[in-house]
N, C-alpha and C. Protein backbone atom coordinates (compact mmCIF):
# COMPACT_ATOMS: atom_id res chain seq x y z
N GLU A 1 -23.84 -7.34 -1.34
CA GLU A 1 -23.05 -8.59 -1.40
C GLU A 1 -21.59 -8.26 -1.23
N SER A 2 -20.91 -9.08 -0.63
CA SER A 2 -19.42 -8.87 -0.47
C SER A 2 -18.72 -10.23 -0.67
N ARG A 3 -17.59 -10.22 -1.40
CA ARG A 3 -16.79 -11.31 -1.60
C ARG A 3 -15.45 -10.96 -1.13
N ASP A 4 -14.83 -11.94 -0.69
CA ASP A 4 -13.35 -11.90 -0.13
C ASP A 4 -12.57 -13.12 -0.55
N ALA A 5 -11.39 -12.78 -0.78
CA ALA A 5 -10.53 -13.85 -1.24
C ALA A 5 -9.03 -13.44 -0.65
N MET A 6 -8.26 -14.23 0.01
CA MET A 6 -7.09 -13.88 0.58
C MET A 6 -6.04 -14.95 0.18
N GLU A 7 -4.94 -14.50 -0.15
CA GLU A 7 -3.78 -15.43 -0.40
C GLU A 7 -2.50 -14.69 0.06
N PHE A 8 -2.01 -15.17 1.04
CA PHE A 8 -0.79 -14.57 1.67
C PHE A 8 0.15 -15.48 2.49
N LYS A 9 1.43 -15.06 2.63
CA LYS A 9 2.24 -15.92 3.50
C LYS A 9 2.55 -15.01 4.65
N ILE A 10 2.51 -15.45 5.89
CA ILE A 10 2.78 -14.73 7.01
C ILE A 10 3.68 -15.52 8.04
N ALA A 11 4.60 -14.77 8.49
CA ALA A 11 5.65 -15.37 9.26
C ALA A 11 5.04 -15.43 10.71
N CYS A 12 5.16 -16.56 11.25
CA CYS A 12 4.61 -16.82 12.70
C CYS A 12 5.82 -17.18 13.64
N SER A 13 5.30 -16.99 14.75
CA SER A 13 6.22 -17.41 15.99
C SER A 13 5.66 -18.28 16.82
N VAL A 14 6.31 -19.32 17.46
CA VAL A 14 5.90 -20.31 18.39
C VAL A 14 5.69 -19.54 19.70
N VAL A 15 4.53 -19.38 20.20
CA VAL A 15 4.38 -18.73 21.49
C VAL A 15 4.21 -19.79 22.60
N ASP A 16 4.08 -20.95 22.32
CA ASP A 16 3.81 -21.89 23.49
C ASP A 16 3.97 -23.34 22.91
N ILE A 17 4.43 -24.30 23.71
CA ILE A 17 4.55 -25.57 23.31
C ILE A 17 3.72 -26.35 24.35
N ARG A 18 2.58 -27.01 23.98
CA ARG A 18 1.69 -27.85 24.79
C ARG A 18 2.38 -29.01 25.36
N PRO A 19 1.93 -29.59 26.59
CA PRO A 19 2.40 -30.75 27.07
C PRO A 19 2.53 -31.98 25.95
N ASN A 20 1.46 -32.00 25.15
CA ASN A 20 1.50 -33.02 24.14
C ASN A 20 2.40 -32.87 22.81
N GLY A 21 3.07 -31.71 22.95
CA GLY A 21 4.07 -31.49 21.91
C GLY A 21 3.51 -30.43 20.81
N THR A 22 2.19 -30.16 20.88
CA THR A 22 1.77 -29.30 19.71
C THR A 22 2.09 -27.79 20.01
N LEU A 23 2.37 -27.21 18.89
CA LEU A 23 2.96 -25.73 18.87
C LEU A 23 1.75 -24.78 18.73
N VAL A 24 1.71 -23.71 19.64
CA VAL A 24 0.85 -22.66 19.48
C VAL A 24 1.57 -21.61 18.65
N ILE A 25 0.91 -21.18 17.57
CA ILE A 25 1.57 -20.31 16.61
C ILE A 25 0.78 -19.06 16.65
N GLU A 26 1.50 -17.90 16.27
CA GLU A 26 0.87 -16.58 16.22
C GLU A 26 1.63 -15.82 15.06
N GLY A 27 0.99 -15.00 14.21
CA GLY A 27 1.74 -14.09 13.51
C GLY A 27 0.70 -12.94 13.12
N ARG A 28 1.48 -11.77 12.82
CA ARG A 28 0.87 -10.61 12.34
C ARG A 28 1.45 -9.95 11.35
N CYS A 29 0.47 -9.20 10.38
CA CYS A 29 1.06 -8.68 9.19
C CYS A 29 0.29 -7.26 9.04
N SER A 30 0.89 -6.20 8.54
CA SER A 30 0.27 -4.86 8.30
C SER A 30 0.71 -4.61 6.99
N ILE A 31 -0.40 -4.24 6.15
CA ILE A 31 0.04 -3.88 4.63
C ILE A 31 -0.73 -2.46 4.49
N ARG A 32 -0.03 -1.57 4.12
CA ARG A 32 -0.23 -0.24 3.88
C ARG A 32 -0.20 0.00 2.33
N ASN A 33 -1.37 0.45 1.77
CA ASN A 33 -1.37 0.88 0.32
C ASN A 33 -2.03 2.34 0.25
N ASN A 34 -1.33 3.30 -0.04
CA ASN A 34 -1.67 4.75 0.09
C ASN A 34 -2.29 4.92 1.38
N GLU A 35 -3.63 5.26 1.44
CA GLU A 35 -4.33 5.51 2.69
C GLU A 35 -5.06 4.39 3.25
N ASP A 36 -4.95 3.18 2.63
CA ASP A 36 -5.55 2.15 3.06
C ASP A 36 -4.57 1.08 3.91
N VAL A 37 -5.22 0.65 4.95
CA VAL A 37 -4.31 -0.24 5.77
C VAL A 37 -5.12 -1.53 5.96
N TRP A 38 -4.43 -2.69 5.80
CA TRP A 38 -5.01 -4.05 6.11
C TRP A 38 -4.19 -4.70 7.16
N GLU A 39 -4.87 -5.05 8.21
CA GLU A 39 -4.09 -5.73 9.24
C GLU A 39 -4.50 -7.22 9.47
N LEU A 40 -3.55 -8.10 9.33
CA LEU A 40 -3.95 -9.59 9.37
C LEU A 40 -3.31 -10.07 10.56
N SER A 41 -3.97 -11.06 11.22
CA SER A 41 -3.33 -11.68 12.37
C SER A 41 -3.96 -13.29 12.19
N LEU A 42 -2.99 -14.21 12.53
CA LEU A 42 -3.20 -15.60 12.40
C LEU A 42 -2.88 -16.33 13.61
N THR A 43 -3.74 -17.10 14.34
CA THR A 43 -3.33 -17.97 15.32
C THR A 43 -3.77 -19.53 15.04
N GLY A 44 -3.09 -20.41 15.80
CA GLY A 44 -3.59 -21.74 15.76
C GLY A 44 -2.55 -22.72 16.48
N THR A 45 -2.92 -24.06 16.35
CA THR A 45 -1.92 -24.97 16.80
C THR A 45 -1.52 -25.89 15.58
N VAL A 46 -0.35 -26.36 15.66
CA VAL A 46 0.32 -27.19 14.81
C VAL A 46 0.93 -28.34 15.36
N ARG A 47 0.90 -29.53 14.81
CA ARG A 47 1.62 -30.73 15.19
C ARG A 47 3.05 -30.63 14.73
N PRO A 48 4.12 -30.99 15.47
CA PRO A 48 5.51 -30.68 15.00
C PRO A 48 5.73 -31.44 13.58
N GLU A 49 5.11 -32.50 13.45
CA GLU A 49 5.34 -33.36 12.21
C GLU A 49 4.74 -32.62 11.02
N ASP A 50 3.85 -31.72 11.16
CA ASP A 50 3.34 -30.96 10.02
C ASP A 50 4.09 -29.73 9.58
N VAL A 51 5.22 -29.36 10.32
CA VAL A 51 6.16 -28.50 9.93
C VAL A 51 7.13 -29.01 8.88
N LEU A 52 7.07 -28.35 7.62
CA LEU A 52 7.88 -28.89 6.63
C LEU A 52 9.35 -28.60 6.75
N THR A 53 10.18 -29.08 5.99
CA THR A 53 11.60 -28.90 6.14
C THR A 53 12.05 -27.46 5.92
N ASN A 54 11.28 -26.72 5.20
CA ASN A 54 11.64 -25.30 4.99
C ASN A 54 10.89 -24.30 6.23
N ASN A 55 10.55 -24.98 7.13
CA ASN A 55 9.88 -24.34 8.22
C ASN A 55 8.55 -23.69 7.85
N THR A 56 7.89 -24.34 6.99
CA THR A 56 6.53 -23.81 6.67
C THR A 56 5.42 -24.77 6.99
N VAL A 57 4.18 -24.21 7.24
CA VAL A 57 3.08 -25.09 7.60
C VAL A 57 1.96 -24.78 6.50
N LEU A 58 1.38 -25.81 5.96
CA LEU A 58 0.11 -25.57 5.16
C LEU A 58 -1.01 -25.25 6.06
N ILE A 59 -1.81 -24.44 5.50
CA ILE A 59 -3.03 -23.81 6.24
C ILE A 59 -3.96 -25.09 6.74
N GLU A 60 -3.95 -26.07 5.84
CA GLU A 60 -4.89 -27.23 6.21
C GLU A 60 -4.42 -28.02 7.37
N ASN A 61 -3.07 -27.83 7.75
CA ASN A 61 -2.57 -28.49 8.85
C ASN A 61 -2.55 -27.64 10.14
N ILE A 62 -3.14 -26.60 10.41
CA ILE A 62 -3.38 -25.62 11.39
C ILE A 62 -4.71 -25.94 12.07
N ALA A 63 -4.57 -26.41 13.28
CA ALA A 63 -5.87 -26.59 14.11
C ALA A 63 -6.29 -25.40 14.77
N ASN A 64 -7.49 -25.21 15.15
CA ASN A 64 -7.99 -24.02 15.81
C ASN A 64 -7.52 -22.81 15.01
N LEU A 65 -7.59 -22.85 13.81
CA LEU A 65 -7.08 -21.63 12.99
C LEU A 65 -8.10 -20.39 13.25
N ARG A 66 -7.43 -19.32 13.49
CA ARG A 66 -8.22 -18.08 13.41
C ARG A 66 -7.43 -17.02 12.61
N ILE A 67 -8.20 -16.45 11.70
CA ILE A 67 -7.49 -15.47 10.85
C ILE A 67 -8.38 -14.23 11.02
N ASP A 68 -7.94 -13.24 11.50
CA ASP A 68 -8.54 -11.81 11.69
C ASP A 68 -7.95 -10.85 10.59
N LYS A 69 -8.99 -10.14 9.92
CA LYS A 69 -8.51 -9.23 8.82
C LYS A 69 -9.42 -7.95 9.37
N ARG A 70 -8.58 -6.88 9.42
CA ARG A 70 -9.13 -5.67 9.63
C ARG A 70 -8.71 -4.61 8.61
N GLU A 71 -9.80 -3.78 8.19
CA GLU A 71 -9.36 -2.80 7.18
C GLU A 71 -9.59 -1.31 7.60
N ALA A 72 -8.87 -0.49 7.17
CA ALA A 72 -9.16 0.89 7.49
C ALA A 72 -8.65 1.80 6.35
N GLY A 73 -9.41 2.91 6.04
CA GLY A 73 -9.16 3.71 4.85
C GLY A 73 -10.21 3.96 3.93
N HIS A 74 -9.88 4.69 2.86
CA HIS A 74 -10.91 5.07 1.88
C HIS A 74 -11.66 3.91 1.40
N VAL A 75 -11.13 2.84 0.97
CA VAL A 75 -11.88 1.78 0.39
C VAL A 75 -12.80 1.19 1.46
N ARG A 76 -12.42 0.99 2.57
CA ARG A 76 -13.38 0.49 3.67
C ARG A 76 -14.47 1.54 3.96
N ASP A 77 -14.16 2.82 3.89
CA ASP A 77 -15.22 3.86 4.09
C ASP A 77 -16.12 3.78 3.01
N SER A 78 -15.71 3.40 1.68
CA SER A 78 -16.77 3.48 0.53
C SER A 78 -17.81 2.43 0.63
N TYR A 79 -17.57 1.26 1.21
CA TYR A 79 -18.69 0.31 1.23
C TYR A 79 -19.19 0.13 2.68
N ARG A 80 -18.78 0.84 3.55
CA ARG A 80 -19.37 0.70 5.12
C ARG A 80 -20.70 1.26 5.03
N ARG A 81 -21.63 0.63 5.72
CA ARG A 81 -22.84 1.14 5.85
C ARG A 81 -23.07 2.31 6.69
N GLY A 82 -23.86 3.26 6.39
CA GLY A 82 -23.95 4.36 7.15
C GLY A 82 -24.78 4.19 8.48
N TRP A 83 -24.76 5.12 9.44
CA TRP A 83 -25.34 5.06 10.74
C TRP A 83 -26.96 4.89 10.56
N MET A 84 -27.46 5.48 9.57
CA MET A 84 -28.95 5.38 9.31
C MET A 84 -29.48 4.13 8.84
N MET A 85 -28.75 3.44 7.91
CA MET A 85 -28.93 2.20 7.47
C MET A 85 -28.90 1.16 8.61
N GLU A 86 -27.74 1.26 9.45
CA GLU A 86 -27.63 0.38 10.65
C GLU A 86 -28.85 0.51 11.62
N TRP A 87 -29.26 1.65 11.77
CA TRP A 87 -30.27 1.79 12.77
C TRP A 87 -31.63 1.36 12.16
N LEU A 88 -32.03 1.55 10.79
CA LEU A 88 -33.06 0.87 10.16
C LEU A 88 -33.03 -0.63 10.35
N ASP A 89 -31.82 -1.22 10.08
CA ASP A 89 -31.63 -2.67 10.23
C ASP A 89 -31.98 -3.18 11.57
N THR A 90 -31.38 -2.45 12.46
CA THR A 90 -31.70 -2.81 13.98
C THR A 90 -33.09 -2.71 14.32
N TYR A 91 -33.85 -1.81 13.94
CA TYR A 91 -35.41 -1.68 14.35
C TYR A 91 -36.40 -2.05 13.24
N GLN A 92 -35.89 -2.34 12.03
CA GLN A 92 -36.63 -3.02 10.87
C GLN A 92 -37.90 -2.32 10.79
N LEU A 93 -37.89 -0.94 10.68
CA LEU A 93 -39.23 -0.17 10.52
C LEU A 93 -40.04 -0.42 9.22
N PHE A 94 -39.22 -0.74 8.15
CA PHE A 94 -39.80 -1.05 6.91
C PHE A 94 -39.59 -2.36 6.35
């Protein structure tokens, strides 16, 4: 069983403005803690009227939202399934 919760602020840039005026945004963030690394990326589209006066956007106002989270390091290695278990899951011998 795995549970995840994320709460973070990420700075994004407008990478495109569509003909209908919607903004395509993209942002990346990398967090290093000792030997562990978390890489987060966010992409989506936002209506100009959803951009607040302090240039922030609430996540519920981002359409086509995609958040990718990648982990590397000791913590990730501690719960990653080994090759034998992945092989058994693939062929379901038992």
